[in-house]
Amino acid sequence: MAHSLIDHASALLLGAGLVLWFWGTWPLLGTHSYLRKLHALSVADTLGSLLMLLGLLLRIPGQWPLLTLALLGLVVWNTIFGYVLAACSLPPRPHPATEQDSAP
């Protein structure tokens, strides 16, 4: 009975993660700005991957150190990568020192 419940919960988490992956990819076809598309994609990708890793953790609990490391790495690096991409998309701002140097 317990294995059946764990198997069903694992399958549900894996399926929900897959649904989030596709749900996050759908806005790429829209006409919104690429930053809004990037945000939707990165949030859905991160949450979908987290759910899938949790589903795998239920399915193969003996691999918890590796899967926990993957969970932490996913959360940290996907978040940082999204911020870096968004910051790189902003127009460059003039450096304050160059504005003072050019003043008469």
PDB file of N, CA and C in Angstrom:
ATOM      1  N   MET A   1       0.817  -1.204   0.000  1.00  0.00           N
ATOM      2  CA  MET A   1       0.000   0.000   0.000  1.00  0.00           C
ATOM      3  C   MET A   1       0.854   1.258   0.000  1.00  0.00           C
ATOM      4  N   ALA A   2       1.911   1.256   0.826  1.00  0.00           N
ATOM      5  CA  ALA A   2       2.769   2.443   0.931  1.00  0.00           C
ATOM      6  C   ALA A   2       3.520   2.683  -0.375  1.00  0.00           C
ATOM      7  N   HIS A   3       3.974   1.574  -0.995  1.00  0.00           N
ATOM      8  CA  HIS A   3       4.684   1.745  -2.265  1.00  0.00           C
ATOM      9  C   HIS A   3       3.768   2.287  -3.348  1.00  0.00           C
ATOM     10  N   SER A   4       2.535   1.860  -3.334  1.00  0.00           N
ATOM     11  CA  SER A   4       1.583   2.334  -4.323  1.00  0.00           C
ATOM     12  C   SER A   4       1.331   3.839  -4.160  1.00  0.00           C
ATOM     13  N   LEU A   5       1.207   4.293  -2.931  1.00  0.00           N
ATOM     14  CA  LEU A   5       0.991   5.713  -2.664  1.00  0.00           C
ATOM     15  C   LEU A   5       2.202   6.543  -3.070  1.00  0.00           C
ATOM     16  N   ILE A   6       3.399   6.043  -2.760  1.00  0.00           N
ATOM     17  CA  ILE A   6       4.628   6.752  -3.129  1.00  0.00           C
ATOM     18  C   ILE A   6       4.784   6.774  -4.647  1.00  0.00           C
ATOM     19  N   ASP A   7       4.482   5.670  -5.298  1.00  0.00           N
ATOM     20  CA  ASP A   7       4.574   5.630  -6.767  1.00  0.00           C
ATOM     21  C   ASP A   7       3.593   6.602  -7.407  1.00  0.00           C
ATOM     22  N   HIS A   8       2.394   6.691  -6.874  1.00  0.00           N
ATOM     23  CA  HIS A   8       1.407   7.624  -7.424  1.00  0.00           C
ATOM     24  C   HIS A   8       1.822   9.072  -7.185  1.00  0.00           C
ATOM     25  N   ALA A   9       2.332   9.366  -5.986  1.00  0.00           N
ATOM     26  CA  ALA A   9       2.789  10.726  -5.687  1.00  0.00           C
ATOM     27  C   ALA A   9       3.974  11.099  -6.576  1.00  0.00           C
ATOM     28  N   SER A  10       4.871  10.154  -6.794  1.00  0.00           N
ATOM     29  CA  SER A  10       6.022  10.397  -7.662  1.00  0.00           C
ATOM     30  C   SER A  10       5.572  10.671  -9.098  1.00  0.00           C
ATOM     31  N   ALA A  11       4.652   9.859  -9.581  1.00  0.00           N
ATOM     32  CA  ALA A  11       4.147  10.057 -10.944  1.00  0.00           C
ATOM     33  C   ALA A  11       3.419  11.399 -11.073  1.00  0.00           C
ATOM     34  N   LEU A  12       2.686  11.773 -10.030  1.00  0.00           N
ATOM     35  CA  LEU A  12       1.983  13.058 -10.046  1.00  0.00           C
ATOM     36  C   LEU A  12       2.973  14.223 -10.092  1.00  0.00           C
ATOM     37  N   LEU A  13       4.035  14.150  -9.290  1.00  0.00           N
ATOM     38  CA  LEU A  13       5.049  15.209  -9.295  1.00  0.00           C
ATOM     39  C   LEU A  13       5.783  15.275 -10.641  1.00  0.00           C
ATOM     40  N   LEU A  14       6.131  14.122 -11.182  1.00  0.00           N
ATOM     41  CA  LEU A  14       6.800  14.102 -12.487  1.00  0.00           C
ATOM     42  C   LEU A  14       5.897  14.675 -13.577  1.00  0.00           C
ATOM     43  N   GLY A  15       4.635  14.305 -13.557  1.00  0.00           N
ATOM     44  CA  GLY A  15       3.685  14.817 -14.546  1.00  0.00           C
ATOM     45  C   GLY A  15       3.450  16.312 -14.398  1.00  0.00           C
ATOM     46  N   ALA A  16       3.330  16.786 -13.150  1.00  0.00           N
ATOM     47  CA  ALA A  16       3.136  18.225 -12.916  1.00  0.00           C
ATOM     48  C   ALA A  16       4.351  19.012 -13.380  1.00  0.00           C
ATOM     49  N   GLY A  17       5.534  18.469 -13.164  1.00  0.00           N
ATOM     50  CA  GLY A  17       6.742  19.132 -13.641  1.00  0.00           C
ATOM     51  C   GLY A  17       6.785  19.232 -15.158  1.00  0.00           C
ATOM     52  N   LEU A  18       6.384  18.182 -15.806  1.00  0.00           N
ATOM     53  CA  LEU A  18       6.336  18.195 -17.273  1.00  0.00           C
ATOM     54  C   LEU A  18       5.313  19.198 -17.789  1.00  0.00           C
ATOM     55  N   VAL A  19       4.161  19.260 -17.127  1.00  0.00           N
ATOM     56  CA  VAL A  19       3.131  20.233 -17.512  1.00  0.00           C
ATOM     57  C   VAL A  19       3.674  21.656 -17.349  1.00  0.00           C
ATOM     58  N   LEU A  20       4.384  21.935 -16.260  1.00  0.00           N
ATOM     59  CA  LEU A  20       4.956  23.270 -16.055  1.00  0.00           C
ATOM     60  C   LEU A  20       5.991  23.609 -17.122  1.00  0.00           C
ATOM     61  N   TRP A  21       6.772  22.631 -17.541  1.00  0.00           N
ATOM     62  CA  TRP A  21       7.735  22.887 -18.620  1.00  0.00           C
ATOM     63  C   TRP A  21       7.026  23.365 -19.881  1.00  0.00           C
ATOM     64  N   PHE A  22       5.972  22.641 -20.272  1.00  0.00           N
ATOM     65  CA  PHE A  22       5.250  23.039 -21.481  1.00  0.00           C
ATOM     66  C   PHE A  22       4.491  24.351 -21.279  1.00  0.00           C
ATOM     67  N   TRP A  23       3.941  24.548 -20.089  1.00  0.00           N
ATOM     68  CA  TRP A  23       3.212  25.782 -19.789  1.00  0.00           C
ATOM     69  C   TRP A  23       4.145  26.985 -19.853  1.00  0.00           C
ATOM     70  N   GLY A  24       5.387  26.835 -19.409  1.00  0.00           N
ATOM     71  CA  GLY A  24       6.356  27.928 -19.478  1.00  0.00           C
ATOM     72  C   GLY A  24       6.857  28.185 -20.885  1.00  0.00           C
ATOM     73  N   THR A  25       6.830  27.182 -21.724  1.00  0.00           N
ATOM     74  CA  THR A  25       7.296  27.339 -23.101  1.00  0.00           C
ATOM     75  C   THR A  25       6.240  28.020 -23.972  1.00  0.00           C
ATOM     76  N   TRP A  26       4.978  27.858 -23.641  1.00  0.00           N
ATOM     77  CA  TRP A  26       3.886  28.408 -24.441  1.00  0.00           C
ATOM     78  C   TRP A  26       3.993  29.921 -24.648  1.00  0.00           C
ATOM     79  N   PRO A  27       4.328  30.750 -23.621  1.00  0.00           N
ATOM     80  CA  PRO A  27       4.397  32.208 -23.823  1.00  0.00           C
ATOM     81  C   PRO A  27       5.481  32.650 -24.815  1.00  0.00           C
ATOM     82  N   LEU A  28       6.412  31.770 -25.155  1.00  0.00           N
ATOM     83  CA  LEU A  28       7.433  32.140 -26.130  1.00  0.00           C
ATOM     84  C   LEU A  28       6.828  32.454 -27.494  1.00  0.00           C
ATOM     85  N   LEU A  29       5.647  31.921 -27.753  1.00  0.00           N
ATOM     86  CA  LEU A  29       4.977  32.151 -29.032  1.00  0.00           C
ATOM     87  C   LEU A  29       4.202  33.466 -29.065  1.00  0.00           C
ATOM     88  N   GLY A  30       4.082  34.121 -27.897  1.00  0.00           N
ATOM     89  CA  GLY A  30       3.298  35.348 -27.808  1.00  0.00           C
ATOM     90  C   GLY A  30       4.042  36.563 -28.340  1.00  0.00           C
ATOM     91  N   THR A  31       3.411  37.711 -28.204  1.00  0.00           N
ATOM     92  CA  THR A  31       3.985  38.955 -28.719  1.00  0.00           C
ATOM     93  C   THR A  31       4.508  39.858 -27.612  1.00  0.00           C
ATOM     94  N   HIS A  32       4.630  39.335 -26.393  1.00  0.00           N
ATOM     95  CA  HIS A  32       5.123  40.129 -25.281  1.00  0.00           C
ATOM     96  C   HIS A  32       6.616  40.400 -25.435  1.00  0.00           C
ATOM     97  N   SER A  33       7.149  41.256 -24.575  1.00  0.00           N
ATOM     98  CA  SER A  33       8.580  41.553 -24.602  1.00  0.00           C
ATOM     99  C   SER A  33       9.367  40.296 -24.245  1.00  0.00           C
ATOM    100  N   TYR A  34      10.610  40.276 -24.678  1.00  0.00           N
ATOM    101  CA  TYR A  34      11.393  39.072 -24.425  1.00  0.00           C
ATOM    102  C   TYR A  34      11.725  38.924 -22.946  1.00  0.00           C
ATOM    103  N   LEU A  35      11.720  40.009 -22.172  1.00  0.00           N
ATOM    104  CA  LEU A  35      11.942  39.877 -20.734  1.00  0.00           C
ATOM    105  C   LEU A  35      10.759  39.182 -20.059  1.00  0.00           C
ATOM    106  N   ARG A  36       9.557  39.491 -20.494  1.00  0.00           N
ATOM    107  CA  ARG A  36       8.380  38.816 -19.941  1.00  0.00           C
ATOM    108  C   ARG A  36       8.382  37.346 -20.341  1.00  0.00           C
ATOM    109  N   LYS A  37       8.784  37.060 -21.560  1.00  0.00           N
ATOM    110  CA  LYS A  37       8.882  35.674 -22.008  1.00  0.00           C
ATOM    111  C   LYS A  37       9.948  34.928 -21.211  1.00  0.00           C
ATOM    112  N   LEU A  38      11.080  35.590 -20.985  1.00  0.00           N
ATOM    113  CA  LEU A  38      12.161  34.979 -20.218  1.00  0.00           C
ATOM    114  C   LEU A  38      11.715  34.689 -18.786  1.00  0.00           C
ATOM    115  N   HIS A  39      10.980  35.610 -18.200  1.00  0.00           N
ATOM    116  CA  HIS A  39      10.504  35.410 -16.831  1.00  0.00           C
ATOM    117  C   HIS A  39       9.564  34.209 -16.747  1.00  0.00           C
ATOM    118  N   ALA A  40       8.602  34.142 -17.643  1.00  0.00           N
ATOM    119  CA  ALA A  40       7.657  33.019 -17.633  1.00  0.00           C
ATOM    120  C   ALA A  40       8.381  31.698 -17.851  1.00  0.00           C
ATOM    121  N   LEU A  41       9.324  31.695 -18.768  1.00  0.00           N
ATOM    122  CA  LEU A  41      10.057  30.469 -19.061  1.00  0.00           C
ATOM    123  C   LEU A  41      10.918  30.040 -17.882  1.00  0.00           C
ATOM    124  N   SER A  42      11.631  30.977 -17.268  1.00  0.00           N
ATOM    125  CA  SER A  42      12.541  30.599 -16.183  1.00  0.00           C
ATOM    126  C   SER A  42      11.777  30.160 -14.933  1.00  0.00           C
ATOM    127  N   VAL A  43      10.672  30.820 -14.614  1.00  0.00           N
ATOM    128  CA  VAL A  43       9.894  30.413 -13.440  1.00  0.00           C
ATOM    129  C   VAL A  43       9.288  29.021 -13.659  1.00  0.00           C
ATOM    130  N   ALA A  44       8.663  28.811 -14.799  1.00  0.00           N
ATOM    131  CA  ALA A  44       8.032  27.515 -15.059  1.00  0.00           C
ATOM    132  C   ALA A  44       9.076  26.405 -15.172  1.00  0.00           C
ATOM    133  N   ASP A  45      10.214  26.707 -15.771  1.00  0.00           N
ATOM    134  CA  ASP A  45      11.275  25.715 -15.903  1.00  0.00           C
ATOM    135  C   ASP A  45      11.830  25.332 -14.538  1.00  0.00           C
ATOM    136  N   THR A  46      12.075  26.324 -13.692  1.00  0.00           N
ATOM    137  CA  THR A  46      12.613  26.044 -12.368  1.00  0.00           C
ATOM    138  C   THR A  46      11.620  25.246 -11.531  1.00  0.00           C
ATOM    139  N   LEU A  47      10.369  25.682 -11.491  1.00  0.00           N
ATOM    140  CA  LEU A  47       9.365  24.960 -10.699  1.00  0.00           C
ATOM    141  C   LEU A  47       9.109  23.560 -11.250  1.00  0.00           C
ATOM    142  N   GLY A  48       9.046  23.444 -12.573  1.00  0.00           N
ATOM    143  CA  GLY A  48       8.846  22.125 -13.175  1.00  0.00           C
ATOM    144  C   GLY A  48       9.997  21.176 -12.876  1.00  0.00           C
ATOM    145  N   SER A  49      11.208  21.688 -12.958  1.00  0.00           N
ATOM    146  CA  SER A  49      12.369  20.856 -12.660  1.00  0.00           C
ATOM    147  C   SER A  49      12.412  20.474 -11.180  1.00  0.00           C
ATOM    148  N   LEU A  50      12.027  21.412 -10.306  1.00  0.00           N
ATOM    149  CA  LEU A  50      11.979  21.100  -8.878  1.00  0.00           C
ATOM    150  C   LEU A  50      10.968  19.990  -8.594  1.00  0.00           C
ATOM    151  N   LEU A  51       9.799  20.083  -9.206  1.00  0.00           N
ATOM    152  CA  LEU A  51       8.793  19.040  -9.003  1.00  0.00           C
ATOM    153  C   LEU A  51       9.280  17.692  -9.526  1.00  0.00           C
ATOM    154  N   MET A  52       9.956  17.712 -10.652  1.00  0.00           N
ATOM    155  CA  MET A  52      10.475  16.461 -11.211  1.00  0.00           C
ATOM    156  C   MET A  52      11.557  15.859 -10.308  1.00  0.00           C
ATOM    157  N   LEU A  53      12.422  16.706  -9.772  1.00  0.00           N
ATOM    158  CA  LEU A  53      13.445  16.190  -8.865  1.00  0.00           C
ATOM    159  C   LEU A  53      12.824  15.649  -7.578  1.00  0.00           C
ATOM    160  N   LEU A  54      11.786  16.298  -7.072  1.00  0.00           N
ATOM    161  CA  LEU A  54      11.092  15.769  -5.898  1.00  0.00           C
ATOM    162  C   LEU A  54      10.424  14.422  -6.214  1.00  0.00           C
ATOM    163  N   GLY A  55       9.874  14.306  -7.412  1.00  0.00           N
ATOM    164  CA  GLY A  55       9.287  13.035  -7.830  1.00  0.00           C
ATOM    165  C   GLY A  55      10.336  11.936  -7.921  1.00  0.00           C
ATOM    166  N   LEU A  56      11.512  12.286  -8.420  1.00  0.00           N
ATOM    167  CA  LEU A  56      12.603  11.307  -8.465  1.00  0.00           C
ATOM    168  C   LEU A  56      13.085  10.958  -7.065  1.00  0.00           C
ATOM    169  N   LEU A  57      13.078  11.939  -6.172  1.00  0.00           N
ATOM    170  CA  LEU A  57      13.494  11.695  -4.792  1.00  0.00           C
ATOM    171  C   LEU A  57      12.560  10.687  -4.114  1.00  0.00           C
ATOM    172  N   LEU A  58      11.269  10.768  -4.420  1.00  0.00           N
ATOM    173  CA  LEU A  58      10.334   9.772  -3.881  1.00  0.00           C
ATOM    174  C   LEU A  58      10.558   8.401  -4.503  1.00  0.00           C
ATOM    175  N   ARG A  59      10.916   8.392  -5.767  1.00  0.00           N
ATOM    176  CA  ARG A  59      11.073   7.134  -6.494  1.00  0.00           C
ATOM    177  C   ARG A  59      12.372   6.412  -6.137  1.00  0.00           C
ATOM    178  N   ILE A  60      13.461   7.201  -5.975  1.00  0.00           N
ATOM    179  CA  ILE A  60      14.763   6.607  -5.635  1.00  0.00           C
ATOM    180  C   ILE A  60      15.365   7.344  -4.430  1.00  0.00           C
ATOM    181  N   PRO A  61      14.850   7.064  -3.243  1.00  0.00           N
ATOM    182  CA  PRO A  61      15.295   7.794  -2.047  1.00  0.00           C
ATOM    183  C   PRO A  61      16.756   7.546  -1.688  1.00  0.00           C
ATOM    184  N   GLY A  62      17.341   6.483  -2.185  1.00  0.00           N
ATOM    185  CA  GLY A  62      18.747   6.203  -1.896  1.00  0.00           C
ATOM    186  C   GLY A  62      19.692   7.213  -2.521  1.00  0.00           C
ATOM    187  N   GLN A  63      19.221   7.975  -3.467  1.00  0.00           N
ATOM    188  CA  GLN A  63      20.048   8.978  -4.147  1.00  0.00           C
ATOM    189  C   GLN A  63      19.806  10.384  -3.606  1.00  0.00           C
ATOM    190  N   TRP A  64      19.337  10.508  -2.359  1.00  0.00           N
ATOM    191  CA  TRP A  64      18.963  11.818  -1.821  1.00  0.00           C
ATOM    192  C   TRP A  64      20.119  12.813  -1.791  1.00  0.00           C
ATOM    193  N   PRO A  65      21.381  12.423  -1.532  1.00  0.00           N
ATOM    194  CA  PRO A  65      22.427  13.460  -1.537  1.00  0.00           C
ATOM    195  C   PRO A  65      22.597  14.099  -2.917  1.00  0.00           C
ATOM    196  N   LEU A  66      22.617  13.278  -3.940  1.00  0.00           N
ATOM    197  CA  LEU A  66      22.781  13.789  -5.302  1.00  0.00           C
ATOM    198  C   LEU A  66      21.577  14.616  -5.743  1.00  0.00           C
ATOM    199  N   LEU A  67      20.375  14.140  -5.456  1.00  0.00           N
ATOM    200  CA  LEU A  67      19.175  14.862  -5.851  1.00  0.00           C
ATOM    201  C   LEU A  67      19.003  16.162  -5.060  1.00  0.00           C
ATOM    202  N   THR A  68      19.408  16.167  -3.784  1.00  0.00           N
ATOM    203  CA  THR A  68      19.355  17.397  -2.993  1.00  0.00           C
ATOM    204  C   THR A  68      20.342  18.423  -3.535  1.00  0.00           C
ATOM    205  N   LEU A  69      21.522  17.976  -3.918  1.00  0.00           N
ATOM    206  CA  LEU A  69      22.508  18.874  -4.533  1.00  0.00           C
ATOM    207  C   LEU A  69      21.975  19.429  -5.850  1.00  0.00           C
ATOM    208  N   ALA A  70      21.313  18.591  -6.621  1.00  0.00           N
ATOM    209  CA  ALA A  70      20.720  19.062  -7.879  1.00  0.00           C
ATOM    210  C   ALA A  70      19.616  20.081  -7.608  1.00  0.00           C
ATOM    211  N   LEU A  71      18.803  19.861  -6.579  1.00  0.00           N
ATOM    212  CA  LEU A  71      17.751  20.817  -6.217  1.00  0.00           C
ATOM    213  C   LEU A  71      18.340  22.169  -5.835  1.00  0.00           C
ATOM    214  N   LEU A  72      19.337  22.155  -4.980  1.00  0.00           N
ATOM    215  CA  LEU A  72      19.966  23.418  -4.557  1.00  0.00           C
ATOM    216  C   LEU A  72      20.636  24.129  -5.730  1.00  0.00           C
ATOM    217  N   GLY A  73      21.358  23.375  -6.530  1.00  0.00           N
ATOM    218  CA  GLY A  73      22.012  23.971  -7.691  1.00  0.00           C
ATOM    219  C   GLY A  73      21.011  24.559  -8.669  1.00  0.00           C
ATOM    220  N   LEU A  74      19.925  23.872  -8.868  1.00  0.00           N
ATOM    221  CA  LEU A  74      18.892  24.352  -9.779  1.00  0.00           C
ATOM    222  C   LEU A  74      18.301  25.668  -9.302  1.00  0.00           C
ATOM    223  N   VAL A  75      17.960  25.735  -8.030  1.00  0.00           N
ATOM    224  CA  VAL A  75      17.352  26.952  -7.494  1.00  0.00           C
ATOM    225  C   VAL A  75      18.324  28.124  -7.574  1.00  0.00           C
ATOM    226  N   VAL A  76      19.557  27.899  -7.157  1.00  0.00           N
ATOM    227  CA  VAL A  76      20.537  28.988  -7.133  1.00  0.00           C
ATOM    228  C   VAL A  76      20.904  29.435  -8.539  1.00  0.00           C
ATOM    229  N   TRP A  77      21.300  28.505  -9.388  1.00  0.00           N
ATOM    230  CA  TRP A  77      21.815  28.896 -10.690  1.00  0.00           C
ATOM    231  C   TRP A  77      20.740  29.380 -11.645  1.00  0.00           C
ATOM    232  N   ASN A  78      19.555  28.793 -11.625  1.00  0.00           N
ATOM    233  CA  ASN A  78      18.493  29.297 -12.494  1.00  0.00           C
ATOM    234  C   ASN A  78      18.084  30.708 -12.098  1.00  0.00           C
ATOM    235  N   THR A  79      18.038  30.980 -10.797  1.00  0.00           N
ATOM    236  CA  THR A  79      17.685  32.321 -10.336  1.00  0.00           C
ATOM    237  C   THR A  79      18.753  33.327 -10.731  1.00  0.00           C
ATOM    238  N   ILE A  80      20.003  33.001 -10.470  1.00  0.00           N
ATOM    239  CA  ILE A  80      21.095  33.912 -10.817  1.00  0.00           C
ATOM    240  C   ILE A  80      21.166  34.117 -12.324  1.00  0.00           C
ATOM    241  N   PHE A  81      21.013  33.059 -13.088  1.00  0.00           N
ATOM    242  CA  PHE A  81      21.085  33.166 -14.543  1.00  0.00           C
ATOM    243  C   PHE A  81      19.980  34.071 -15.084  1.00  0.00           C
ATOM    244  N   GLY A  82      18.784  33.976 -14.523  1.00  0.00           N
ATOM    245  CA  GLY A  82      17.690  34.856 -14.946  1.00  0.00           C
ATOM    246  C   GLY A  82      17.992  36.313 -14.658  1.00  0.00           C
ATOM    247  N   TYR A  83      18.543  36.588 -13.480  1.00  0.00           N
ATOM    248  CA  TYR A  83      18.898  37.966 -13.135  1.00  0.00           C
ATOM    249  C   TYR A  83      20.006  38.501 -14.034  1.00  0.00           C
ATOM    250  N   VAL A  84      20.983  37.680 -14.330  1.00  0.00           N
ATOM    251  CA  VAL A  84      22.090  38.117 -15.198  1.00  0.00           C
ATOM    252  C   VAL A  84      21.572  38.423 -16.597  1.00  0.00           C
ATOM    253  N   LEU A  85      20.738  37.562 -17.139  1.00  0.00           N
ATOM    254  CA  LEU A  85      20.190  37.817 -18.471  1.00  0.00           C
ATOM    255  C   LEU A  85      19.348  39.087 -18.494  1.00  0.00           C
ATOM    256  N   ALA A  86      18.555  39.298 -17.463  1.00  0.00           N
ATOM    257  CA  ALA A  86      17.733  40.510 -17.411  1.00  0.00           C
ATOM    258  C   ALA A  86      18.607  41.752 -17.276  1.00  0.00           C
ATOM    259  N   ALA A  87      19.645  41.689 -16.461  1.00  0.00           N
ATOM    260  CA  ALA A  87      20.528  42.839 -16.285  1.00  0.00           C
ATOM    261  C   ALA A  87      21.307  43.136 -17.563  1.00  0.00           C
ATOM    262  N   CYS A  88      21.682  42.116 -18.284  1.00  0.00           N
ATOM    263  CA  CYS A  88      22.425  42.317 -19.534  1.00  0.00           C
ATOM    264  C   CYS A  88      21.538  42.889 -20.633  1.00  0.00           C
ATOM    265  N   SER A  89      20.242  42.761 -20.491  1.00  0.00           N
ATOM    266  CA  SER A  89      19.352  43.269 -21.528  1.00  0.00           C
ATOM    267  C   SER A  89      19.046  44.751 -21.355  1.00  0.00           C
ATOM    268  N   LEU A  90      19.394  45.321 -20.207  1.00  0.00           N
ATOM    269  CA  LEU A  90      19.149  46.743 -19.976  1.00  0.00           C
ATOM    270  C   LEU A  90      20.103  47.587 -20.810  1.00  0.00           C
ATOM    271  N   PRO A  91      19.663  48.777 -21.244  1.00  0.00           N
ATOM    272  CA  PRO A  91      20.580  49.640 -21.992  1.00  0.00           C
ATOM    273  C   PRO A  91      21.698  50.115 -21.070  1.00  0.00           C
ATOM    274  N   PRO A  92      22.881  50.327 -21.623  1.00  0.00           N
ATOM    275  CA  PRO A  92      24.005  50.757 -20.780  1.00  0.00           C
ATOM    276  C   PRO A  92      23.774  52.163 -20.239  1.00  0.00           C
ATOM    277  N   ARG A  93      24.133  52.357 -18.973  1.00  0.00           N
ATOM    278  CA  ARG A  93      24.023  53.671 -18.350  1.00  0.00           C
ATOM    279  C   ARG A  93      25.391  54.329 -18.387  1.00  0.00           C
ATOM    280  N   PRO A  94      25.430  55.637 -18.587  1.00  0.00           N
ATOM    281  CA  PRO A  94      26.731  56.305 -18.575  1.00  0.00           C
ATOM    282  C   PRO A  94      27.331  56.268 -17.175  1.00  0.00           C
ATOM    283  N   HIS A  95      28.615  56.143 -17.131  1.00  0.00           N
ATOM    284  CA  HIS A  95      29.323  56.100 -15.860  1.00  0.00           C
ATOM    285  C   HIS A  95      29.367  57.507 -15.279  1.00  0.00           C
ATOM    286  N   PRO A  96      29.098  57.685 -13.980  1.00  0.00           N
ATOM    287  CA  PRO A  96      29.073  59.037 -13.392  1.00  0.00           C
ATOM    288  C   PRO A  96      30.387  59.788 -13.556  1.00  0.00           C
ATOM    289  N   ALA A  97      31.509  59.112 -13.540  1.00  0.00           N
ATOM    290  CA  ALA A  97      32.805  59.783 -13.664  1.00  0.00           C
ATOM    291  C   ALA A  97      32.969  60.382 -15.065  1.00  0.00           C
ATOM    292  N   THR A  98      32.421  59.742 -16.089  1.00  0.00           N
ATOM    293  CA  THR A  98      32.564  60.271 -17.451  1.00  0.00           C
ATOM    294  C   THR A  98      31.688  61.484 -17.646  1.00  0.00           C
ATOM    295  N   GLU A  99      30.552  61.578 -16.933  1.00  0.00           N
ATOM    296  CA  GLU A  99      29.702  62.756 -17.052  1.00  0.00           C
ATOM    297  C   GLU A  99      30.393  63.966 -16.427  1.00  0.00           C
ATOM    298  N   GLN A 100      31.102  63.781 -15.316  1.00  0.00           N
ATOM    299  CA  GLN A 100      31.794  64.888 -14.675  1.00  0.00           C
ATOM    300  C   GLN A 100      32.977  65.346 -15.492  1.00  0.00           C
ATOM    301  N   ASP A 101      33.670  64.407 -16.135  1.00  0.00           N
ATOM    302  CA  ASP A 101      34.845  64.752 -16.942  1.00  0.00           C
ATOM    303  C   ASP A 101      34.453  65.550 -18.167  1.00  0.00           C
ATOM    304  N   SER A 102      33.269  65.311 -18.727  1.00  0.00           N
ATOM    305  CA  SER A 102      32.862  65.997 -19.961  1.00  0.00           C
ATOM    306  C   SER A 102      32.214  67.341 -19.683  1.00  0.00           C
ATOM    307  N   ALA A 103      31.923  67.665 -18.404  1.00  0.00           N
ATOM    308  CA  ALA A 103      31.293  68.951 -18.096  1.00  0.00           C
ATOM    309  C   ALA A 103      32.300  70.089 -18.277  1.00  0.00           C
ATOM    310  N   PRO A 104      31.875  71.264 -18.828  1.00  0.00           N
ATOM    311  CA  PRO A 104      32.821  72.379 -19.063  1.00  0.00           C
ATOM    312  C   PRO A 104      33.268  73.052 -17.811  1.00  0.00           C
TER     313      PRO A 104
END
